[in-house]
C-alpha atoms as a PDB file:
ATOM      1  CA  MET A   1       3.543 -16.310  -1.194  1.00  0.00           C
ATOM      2  CA  THR A   2       2.339 -14.471   1.814  1.00  0.00           C
ATOM      3  CA  THR A   3       2.284 -17.359   4.257  1.00  0.00           C
ATOM      4  CA  ASN A   4       5.135 -18.883   6.211  1.00  0.00           C
ATOM      5  CA  ILE A   5       7.148 -15.678   5.934  1.00  0.00           C
ATOM      6  CA  LEU A   6       9.154 -16.730   8.974  1.00  0.00           C
ATOM      7  CA  GLN A   7      10.580 -20.089   9.968  1.00  0.00           C
ATOM      8  CA  LYS A   8       8.196 -21.492  12.606  1.00  0.00           C
ATOM      9  CA  ASP A   9       9.401 -23.103  15.827  1.00  0.00           C
ATOM     10  CA  ALA A  10       7.613 -26.112  17.279  1.00  0.00           C
ATOM     11  CA  LYS A  11       6.078 -23.781  19.869  1.00  0.00           C
ATOM     12  CA  PRO A  12       6.226 -20.236  18.509  1.00  0.00           C
ATOM     13  CA  SER A  13       6.437 -17.484  21.087  1.00  0.00           C
ATOM     14  CA  LYS A  14       4.013 -14.585  21.231  1.00  0.00           C
ATOM     15  CA  THR A  15       6.768 -12.362  19.833  1.00  0.00           C
ATOM     16  CA  SER A  16       7.475 -14.599  16.842  1.00  0.00           C
ATOM     17  CA  ALA A  17       3.733 -14.947  16.177  1.00  0.00           C
ATOM     18  CA  ALA A  18       3.319 -11.163  16.211  1.00  0.00           C
ATOM     19  CA  THR A  19       6.331 -10.754  13.943  1.00  0.00           C
ATOM     20  CA  GLU A  20       4.903 -13.224  11.436  1.00  0.00           C
ATOM     21  CA  ARG A  21       1.493 -11.526  11.573  1.00  0.00           C
ATOM     22  CA  VAL A  22       3.032  -8.156  10.684  1.00  0.00           C
ATOM     23  CA  ALA A  23       5.324  -9.635   8.009  1.00  0.00           C
ATOM     24  CA  THR A  24       2.453 -11.541   6.402  1.00  0.00           C
ATOM     25  CA  ALA A  25       0.166  -8.493   6.378  1.00  0.00           C
ATOM     26  CA  LEU A  26       2.859  -6.295   4.833  1.00  0.00           C
ATOM     27  CA  ALA A  27       3.746  -8.951   2.230  1.00  0.00           C
ATOM     28  CA  LEU A  28       0.106  -9.317   1.216  1.00  0.00           C
ATOM     29  CA  ALA A  29      -0.277  -5.538   0.883  1.00  0.00           C
ATOM     30  CA  ILE A  30       2.818  -5.469  -1.344  1.00  0.00           C
ATOM     31  CA  HIS A  31       1.680  -8.378  -3.512  1.00  0.00           C
ATOM     32  CA  GLU A  32      -1.792  -6.881  -3.905  1.00  0.00           C
ATOM     33  CA  HIS A  33      -0.281  -3.503  -4.906  1.00  0.00           C
ATOM     34  CA  ARG A  34      -1.776  -1.656  -1.941  1.00  0.00           C
ATOM     35  CA  LEU A  35       1.787  -0.704  -1.015  1.00  0.00           C
ATOM     36  CA  ALA A  36       3.637   0.683  -4.019  1.00  0.00           C
ATOM     37  CA  PRO A  37       7.338   0.098  -4.714  1.00  0.00           C
ATOM     38  CA  GLY A  38       9.424   2.713  -2.930  1.00  0.00           C
ATOM     39  CA  THR A  39       6.905   3.282  -0.097  1.00  0.00           C
ATOM     40  CA  LYS A  40       8.667   4.071   3.180  1.00  0.00           C
ATOM     41  CA  LEU A  41       7.836   1.631   5.966  1.00  0.00           C
ATOM     42  CA  GLY A  42       8.446   3.668   9.085  1.00  0.00           C
ATOM     43  CA  GLU A  43       8.873   1.497  12.167  1.00  0.00           C
ATOM     44  CA  ASP A  44       6.843   3.802  14.404  1.00  0.00           C
ATOM     45  CA  GLU A  45       3.934   4.071  11.970  1.00  0.00           C
ATOM     46  CA  VAL A  46       3.856   0.342  11.204  1.00  0.00           C
ATOM     47  CA  GLY A  47       4.022  -0.411  14.923  1.00  0.00           C
ATOM     48  CA  GLU A  48       1.119   1.934  15.618  1.00  0.00           C
ATOM     49  CA  ILE A  49      -0.984   0.417  12.828  1.00  0.00           C
ATOM     50  CA  PHE A  50      -0.501  -3.127  14.114  1.00  0.00           C
ATOM     51  CA  ASN A  51      -0.226  -2.212  17.795  1.00  0.00           C
ATOM     52  CA  VAL A  52       3.173  -3.862  18.208  1.00  0.00           C
ATOM     53  CA  SER A  53       6.624  -2.764  19.356  1.00  0.00           C
ATOM     54  CA  ARG A  54       9.360  -1.413  17.117  1.00  0.00           C
ATOM     55  CA  THR A  55      11.352  -4.581  17.860  1.00  0.00           C
ATOM     56  CA  ILE A  56       8.620  -6.710  16.295  1.00  0.00           C
ATOM     57  CA  VAL A  57       8.312  -4.367  13.315  1.00  0.00           C
ATOM     58  CA  ARG A  58      12.065  -4.441  12.791  1.00  0.00           C
ATOM     59  CA  SER A  59      12.100  -8.260  12.801  1.00  0.00           C
ATOM     60  CA  ALA A  60       9.202  -8.356  10.339  1.00  0.00           C
ATOM     61  CA  LEU A  61      10.945  -5.931   7.987  1.00  0.00           C
ATOM     62  CA  GLN A  62      14.175  -7.928   8.177  1.00  0.00           C
ATOM     63  CA  SER A  63      12.308 -11.117   7.216  1.00  0.00           C
ATOM     64  CA  LEU A  64      10.781  -9.318   4.220  1.00  0.00           C
ATOM     65  CA  SER A  65      14.203  -7.987   3.296  1.00  0.00           C
ATOM     66  CA  TYR A  66      15.481 -11.565   3.191  1.00  0.00           C
ATOM     67  CA  ILE A  67      12.927 -12.460   0.503  1.00  0.00           C
ATOM     68  CA  GLN A  68      13.610  -9.164  -1.319  1.00  0.00           C
ATOM     69  CA  LEU A  69      10.214  -7.549  -0.825  1.00  0.00           C
ATOM     70  CA  VAL A  70      11.713  -4.817   1.350  1.00  0.00           C
ATOM     71  CA  GLU A  71      14.961  -2.866   1.089  1.00  0.00           C
ATOM     72  CA  ILE A  72      16.596  -1.585   4.274  1.00  0.00           C
ATOM     73  CA  HIS A  73      18.930   1.385   3.876  1.00  0.00           C
ATOM     74  CA  ARG A  74      21.258   2.413   6.663  1.00  0.00           C
ATOM     75  CA  ASN A  75      20.215   5.689   8.319  1.00  0.00           C
ATOM     76  CA  LYS A  76      17.201   5.941   6.011  1.00  0.00           C
ATOM     77  CA  GLY A  77      14.960   3.065   7.041  1.00  0.00           C
ATOM     78  CA  ALA A  78      12.944   0.414   5.233  1.00  0.00           C
ATOM     79  CA  PHE A  79      11.153   0.765   1.900  1.00  0.00           C
ATOM     80  CA  VAL A  80       9.080  -1.488  -0.327  1.00  0.00           C
ATOM     81  CA  ALA A  81      11.602  -2.834  -2.828  1.00  0.00           C
ATOM     82  CA  LYS A  82      11.823  -1.011  -6.137  1.00  0.00           C
ATOM     83  CA  PRO A  83      13.349  -3.215  -8.860  1.00  0.00           C
ATOM     84  CA  SER A  84      15.422  -1.522 -11.531  1.00  0.00           C
ATOM     85  CA  LEU A  85      14.725  -1.838 -15.241  1.00  0.00           C
ATOM     86  CA  THR A  86      17.687  -4.217 -15.590  1.00  0.00           C
ATOM     87  CA  GLU A  87      16.392  -6.421 -12.792  1.00  0.00           C
ATOM     88  CA  ALA A  88      12.894  -6.372 -14.283  1.00  0.00           C
ATOM     89  CA  ARG A  89      14.204  -7.770 -17.544  1.00  0.00           C
ATOM     90  CA  GLU A  90      16.367 -10.348 -15.773  1.00  0.00           C
ATOM     91  CA  VAL A  91      13.502 -11.576 -13.595  1.00  0.00           C
ATOM     92  CA  PHE A  92      11.223 -12.255 -16.538  1.00  0.00           C
ATOM     93  CA  GLU A  93      14.026 -13.802 -18.577  1.00  0.00           C
ATOM     94  CA  ALA A  94      14.738 -16.143 -15.635  1.00  0.00           C
ATOM     95  CA  ARG A  95      11.061 -17.076 -15.376  1.00  0.00           C
ATOM     96  CA  GLU A  96      10.962 -17.791 -19.096  1.00  0.00           C
ATOM     97  CA  LEU A  97      13.881 -20.199 -18.639  1.00  0.00           C
ATOM     98  CA  LEU A  98      12.651 -22.008 -15.514  1.00  0.00           C
ATOM     99  CA  GLU A  99       8.869 -22.185 -15.613  1.00  0.00           C
ATOM    100  CA  PRO A 100       8.253 -23.863 -18.994  1.00  0.00           C
ATOM    101  CA  ARG A 101      10.315 -26.894 -17.993  1.00  0.00           C
ATOM    102  CA  THR A 102       8.622 -26.943 -14.595  1.00  0.00           C
ATOM    103  CA  ALA A 103       5.204 -26.926 -16.288  1.00  0.00           C
ATOM    104  CA  ARG A 104       6.288 -29.959 -18.329  1.00  0.00           C
ATOM    105  CA  CYS A 105       7.250 -31.831 -15.143  1.00  0.00           C
ATOM    106  CA  ALA A 106       4.000 -30.807 -13.447  1.00  0.00           C
ATOM    107  CA  ALA A 107       2.015 -32.256 -16.354  1.00  0.00           C
ATOM    108  CA  MET A 108       3.725 -35.606 -15.880  1.00  0.00           C
ATOM    109  CA  LEU A 109       3.157 -35.730 -12.121  1.00  0.00           C
ATOM    110  CA  ALA A 110      -0.139 -33.939 -11.417  1.00  0.00           C
ATOM    111  CA  THR A 111      -2.919 -35.794  -9.631  1.00  0.00           C
ATOM    112  CA  ALA A 112      -6.637 -35.112  -9.956  1.00  0.00           C
ATOM    113  CA  GLU A 113      -6.412 -33.240  -6.652  1.00  0.00           C
ATOM    114  CA  ASP A 114      -3.606 -31.045  -8.035  1.00  0.00           C
ATOM    115  CA  VAL A 115      -5.683 -30.176 -11.100  1.00  0.00           C
ATOM    116  CA  SER A 116      -8.669 -29.347  -8.895  1.00  0.00           C
ATOM    117  CA  ARG A 117      -6.506 -27.019  -6.806  1.00  0.00           C
ATOM    118  CA  LEU A 118      -5.279 -25.200  -9.916  1.00  0.00           C
ATOM    119  CA  LYS A 119      -8.852 -24.744 -11.122  1.00  0.00           C
ATOM    120  CA  GLN A 120      -9.773 -23.287  -7.745  1.00  0.00           C
ATOM    121  CA  HIS A 121      -6.938 -20.758  -8.119  1.00  0.00           C
ATOM    122  CA  ILE A 122      -8.387 -19.683 -11.465  1.00  0.00           C
ATOM    123  CA  GLU A 123     -11.891 -19.283 -10.014  1.00  0.00           C
ATOM    124  CA  GLU A 124     -10.602 -17.132  -7.166  1.00  0.00           C
ATOM    125  CA  GLU A 125      -8.603 -15.035  -9.633  1.00  0.00           C
ATOM    126  CA  HIS A 126     -11.720 -14.497 -11.766  1.00  0.00           C
ATOM    127  CA  ASP A 127     -13.739 -13.518  -8.689  1.00  0.00           C
ATOM    128  CA  ALA A 128     -11.126 -10.894  -7.836  1.00  0.00           C
ATOM    129  CA  MET A 129     -11.131  -9.535 -11.378  1.00  0.00           C
ATOM    130  CA  ARG A 130     -14.923  -9.289 -11.412  1.00  0.00           C
ATOM    131  CA  ALA A 131     -14.764  -7.395  -8.128  1.00  0.00           C
ATOM    132  CA  GLY A 132     -12.236  -4.955  -9.620  1.00  0.00           C
ATOM    133  CA  GLU A 133      -9.552  -6.153  -7.188  1.00  0.00           C
ATOM    134  CA  HIS A 134      -6.724  -6.266  -9.692  1.00  0.00           C
ATOM    135  CA  GLY A 135      -3.953  -6.379  -7.109  1.00  0.00           C
ATOM    136  CA  ARG A 136      -5.534  -9.403  -5.439  1.00  0.00           C
ATOM    137  CA  ALA A 137      -6.054 -11.048  -8.828  1.00  0.00           C
ATOM    138  CA  LEU A 138      -2.369 -10.593  -9.596  1.00  0.00           C
ATOM    139  CA  HIS A 139      -1.425 -12.121  -6.256  1.00  0.00           C
ATOM    140  CA  LEU A 140      -3.633 -15.134  -6.928  1.00  0.00           C
ATOM    141  CA  SER A 141      -2.118 -15.456 -10.406  1.00  0.00           C
ATOM    142  CA  GLY A 142       1.316 -15.628  -8.814  1.00  0.00           C
ATOM    143  CA  LEU A 143       0.122 -18.336  -6.428  1.00  0.00           C
ATOM    144  CA  PHE A 144      -1.113 -20.314  -9.448  1.00  0.00           C
ATOM    145  CA  HIS A 145       2.403 -20.315 -10.897  1.00  0.00           C
ATOM    146  CA  VAL A 146       3.932 -21.256  -7.544  1.00  0.00           C
ATOM    147  CA  GLU A 147       1.487 -24.154  -7.235  1.00  0.00           C
ATOM    148  CA  ILE A 148       2.602 -25.516 -10.616  1.00  0.00           C
ATOM    149  CA  SER A 149       6.226 -25.496  -9.453  1.00  0.00           C
ATOM    150  CA  ARG A 150       5.239 -27.399  -6.316  1.00  0.00           C
ATOM    151  CA  ILE A 151       3.301 -29.995  -8.314  1.00  0.00           C
ATOM    152  CA  ALA A 152       6.506 -30.546 -10.305  1.00  0.00           C
ATOM    153  CA  GLN A 153       8.175 -31.712  -7.067  1.00  0.00           C
ATOM    154  CA  GLN A 154      11.267 -29.602  -7.673  1.00  0.00           C
ATOM    155  CA  SER A 155      11.687 -27.968  -4.283  1.00  0.00           C
ATOM    156  CA  THR A 156      14.897 -26.081  -5.042  1.00  0.00           C
ATOM    157  CA  ILE A 157      13.595 -24.684  -8.325  1.00  0.00           C
ATOM    158  CA  ALA A 158      10.221 -23.961  -6.693  1.00  0.00           C
ATOM    159  CA  GLY A 159      12.000 -21.747  -4.179  1.00  0.00           C
ATOM    160  CA  PHE A 160      13.676 -19.793  -6.982  1.00  0.00           C
ATOM    161  CA  ILE A 161      10.377 -19.443  -8.845  1.00  0.00           C
ATOM    162  CA  GLU A 162       8.558 -18.225  -5.731  1.00  0.00           C
ATOM    163  CA  THR A 163      11.168 -15.497  -5.214  1.00  0.00           C
ATOM    164  CA  LEU A 164      11.012 -14.520  -8.905  1.00  0.00           C
ATOM    165  CA  ILE A 165       7.226 -14.284  -8.772  1.00  0.00           C
ATOM    166  CA  ALA A 166       7.406 -12.083  -5.686  1.00  0.00           C
ATOM    167  CA  ARG A 167       9.762  -9.784  -7.590  1.00  0.00           C
ATOM    168  CA  SER A 168       7.441  -9.923 -10.597  1.00  0.00           C
ATOM    169  CA  SER A 169       4.627  -8.499  -8.487  1.00  0.00           C
ATOM    170  CA  LEU A 170       6.742  -5.441  -7.700  1.00  0.00           C
ATOM    171  CA  ILE A 171       7.856  -5.135 -11.313  1.00  0.00           C
ATOM    172  CA  ILE A 172       4.280  -5.237 -12.612  1.00  0.00           C
ATOM    173  CA  ALA A 173       3.267  -2.607 -10.046  1.00  0.00           C
ATOM    174  CA  MET A 174       5.943  -0.312 -11.478  1.00  0.00           C
ATOM    175  CA  TYR A 175       5.953  -1.075 -15.172  1.00  0.00           C
ATOM    176  CA  TRP A 176       2.652  -2.546 -16.360  1.00  0.00           C
ATOM    177  CA  ARG A 177       1.076  -0.685 -19.252  1.00  0.00           C
ATOM    178  CA  ARG A 178      -2.185  -2.577 -19.652  1.00  0.00           C
ATOM    179  CA  GLU A 179      -4.529  -4.671 -17.557  1.00  0.00           C
ATOM    180  CA  SER A 180      -3.625  -7.767 -19.489  1.00  0.00           C
ATOM    181  CA  ALA A 181      -0.387  -7.749 -17.514  1.00  0.00           C
ATOM    182  CA  LEU A 182      -2.633  -9.734 -15.196  1.00  0.00           C
ATOM    183  CA  CYS A 183      -2.468 -13.330 -16.295  1.00  0.00           C
ATOM    184  CA  GLU A 184      -5.163 -13.777 -18.920  1.00  0.00           C
ATOM    185  CA  SER A 185      -7.809 -16.371 -18.139  1.00  0.00           C
ATOM    186  CA  HIS A 186      -7.482 -18.366 -21.352  1.00  0.00           C
ATOM    187  CA  ALA A 187      -3.754 -18.883 -20.763  1.00  0.00           C
ATOM    188  CA  HIS A 188      -4.306 -20.383 -17.328  1.00  0.00           C
ATOM    189  CA  HIS A 189      -7.234 -22.510 -18.491  1.00  0.00           C
ATOM    190  CA  ALA A 190      -5.191 -23.928 -21.349  1.00  0.00           C
ATOM    191  CA  LEU A 191      -2.291 -24.676 -19.015  1.00  0.00           C
ATOM    192  CA  VAL A 192      -4.516 -26.531 -16.580  1.00  0.00           C
ATOM    193  CA  GLN A 193      -6.007 -28.565 -19.414  1.00  0.00           C
ATOM    194  CA  ALA A 194      -2.551 -29.536 -20.678  1.00  0.00           C
ATOM    195  CA  ILE A 195      -1.537 -30.553 -17.163  1.00  0.00           C
ATOM    196  CA  ALA A 196      -4.773 -32.516 -16.695  1.00  0.00           C
ATOM    197  CA  ASP A 197      -4.068 -34.301 -20.008  1.00  0.00           C
ATOM    198  CA  SER A 198      -0.484 -35.115 -18.917  1.00  0.00           C
ATOM    199  CA  ASP A 199       0.705 -33.352 -22.079  1.00  0.00           C
ATOM    200  CA  GLY A 200       4.149 -32.186 -21.011  1.00  0.00           C
ATOM    201  CA  GLN A 201       5.186 -30.658 -24.338  1.00  0.00           C
ATOM    202  CA  LYS A 202       2.005 -28.610 -24.627  1.00  0.00           C
ATOM    203  CA  ALA A 203       2.257 -27.433 -21.020  1.00  0.00           C
ATOM    204  CA  GLU A 204       5.845 -26.329 -21.640  1.00  0.00           C
ATOM    205  CA  ASP A 205       4.955 -24.466 -24.841  1.00  0.00           C
ATOM    206  CA  LEU A 206       1.919 -22.779 -23.272  1.00  0.00           C
ATOM    207  CA  MET A 207       3.863 -21.629 -20.228  1.00  0.00           C
ATOM    208  CA  ARG A 208       6.613 -20.171 -22.408  1.00  0.00           C
ATOM    209  CA  SER A 209       4.231 -18.209 -24.636  1.00  0.00           C
ATOM    210  CA  HIS A 210       2.240 -17.077 -21.607  1.00  0.00           C
ATOM    211  CA  LEU A 211       5.318 -15.633 -19.895  1.00  0.00           C
ATOM    212  CA  VAL A 212       6.503 -13.952 -23.093  1.00  0.00           C
ATOM    213  CA  ASP A 213       3.084 -12.302 -23.389  1.00  0.00           C
ATOM    214  CA  LEU A 214       3.179 -11.191 -19.759  1.00  0.00           C
ATOM    215  CA  HIS A 215       6.664  -9.750 -20.285  1.00  0.00           C
ATOM    216  CA  SER A 216       5.496  -7.882 -23.389  1.00  0.00           C
ATOM    217  CA  ALA A 217       2.680  -6.272 -21.375  1.00  0.00           C
ATOM    218  CA  LEU A 218       5.248  -4.281 -19.390  1.00  0.00           C
ATOM    219  CA  ASP A 219       6.618  -0.890 -20.337  1.00  0.00           C
ATOM    220  CA  LEU A 220      10.229  -1.201 -19.220  1.00  0.00           C
ATOM    221  CA  ARG A 221      10.942   2.484 -19.707  1.00  0.00           C
ATOM    222  CA  GLU A 222       8.868   4.388 -17.187  1.00  0.00           C
ATOM    223  CA  THR A 223       7.712   3.872 -13.618  1.00  0.00           C
ATOM    224  CA  SER A 224       4.374   4.546 -11.994  1.00  0.00           C
ATOM    225  CA  GLU A 225       3.939   6.213  -8.626  1.00  0.00           C
ATOM    226  CA  GLY A 226       1.647   5.047  -5.838  1.00  0.00           C
ATOM    227  CA  ALA A 227      -0.339   7.664  -3.932  1.00  0.00           C
ATOM    228  CA  LYS A 228      -1.741   5.731  -0.961  1.00  0.00           C
ATOM    229  CA  SER A 229      -0.478   6.469   2.528  1.00  0.00           C
ATOM    230  CA  LEU A 230       0.867   3.621   4.626  1.00  0.00           C
ATOM    231  CA  ARG A 231      -2.198   3.708   6.880  1.00  0.00           C
ATOM    232  CA  GLU A 232      -4.615   3.713   3.913  1.00  0.00           C
ATOM    233  CA  ALA A 233      -2.847   0.734   2.391  1.00  0.00           C
ATOM    234  CA  LEU A 234      -2.806  -1.398   5.529  1.00  0.00           C
ATOM    235  CA  LEU A 235      -6.141  -0.638   7.188  1.00  0.00           C
END
């Protein structure tokens, strides 16, 4: 979710490469919860951190605004997006509608290489959890879900799911009430096994119950506040 933030030309210029570098770094910091929802992204400070011009920073922020990770307010500047309670509910309801069917399709189409890639995602997620890097583990969990949508060969739906998962990362940063809001290992293992077995019905059922559990791990009443400075989060 943090790669290919910008559309690449055949021969990208130094400016577009710098813009993508800044956008990718900011997106990763948001997904890994190093930048909390509502954090102000001052152009001067971001430019100083990455040693780039304000023009490059502005382009990077606009690209992140397009995928709804950043909100740009006239005369106020750019901020890490801060989903409302209503949006939080809608995002998870949308995921619960789309992803179970996608998991079914993935189970019918997955190759041995696809299954191996999913298992690698789980291993990397476990490594992050063992290292206490919960934000990174959450990001990897999101990539696992995106990978399933790609295996299903439904490019339009995969695009929707990727955007929803990006929003989910922000929502979890604001509203999670327990660590199990991170995707639990047994749920992902069971999903991979169902996909490896080409059991579409089981994959669909497991994905649905998994997302319902993730949704229930959120406290959609109160928000949490991040304390890190922009420099601390990005360096």
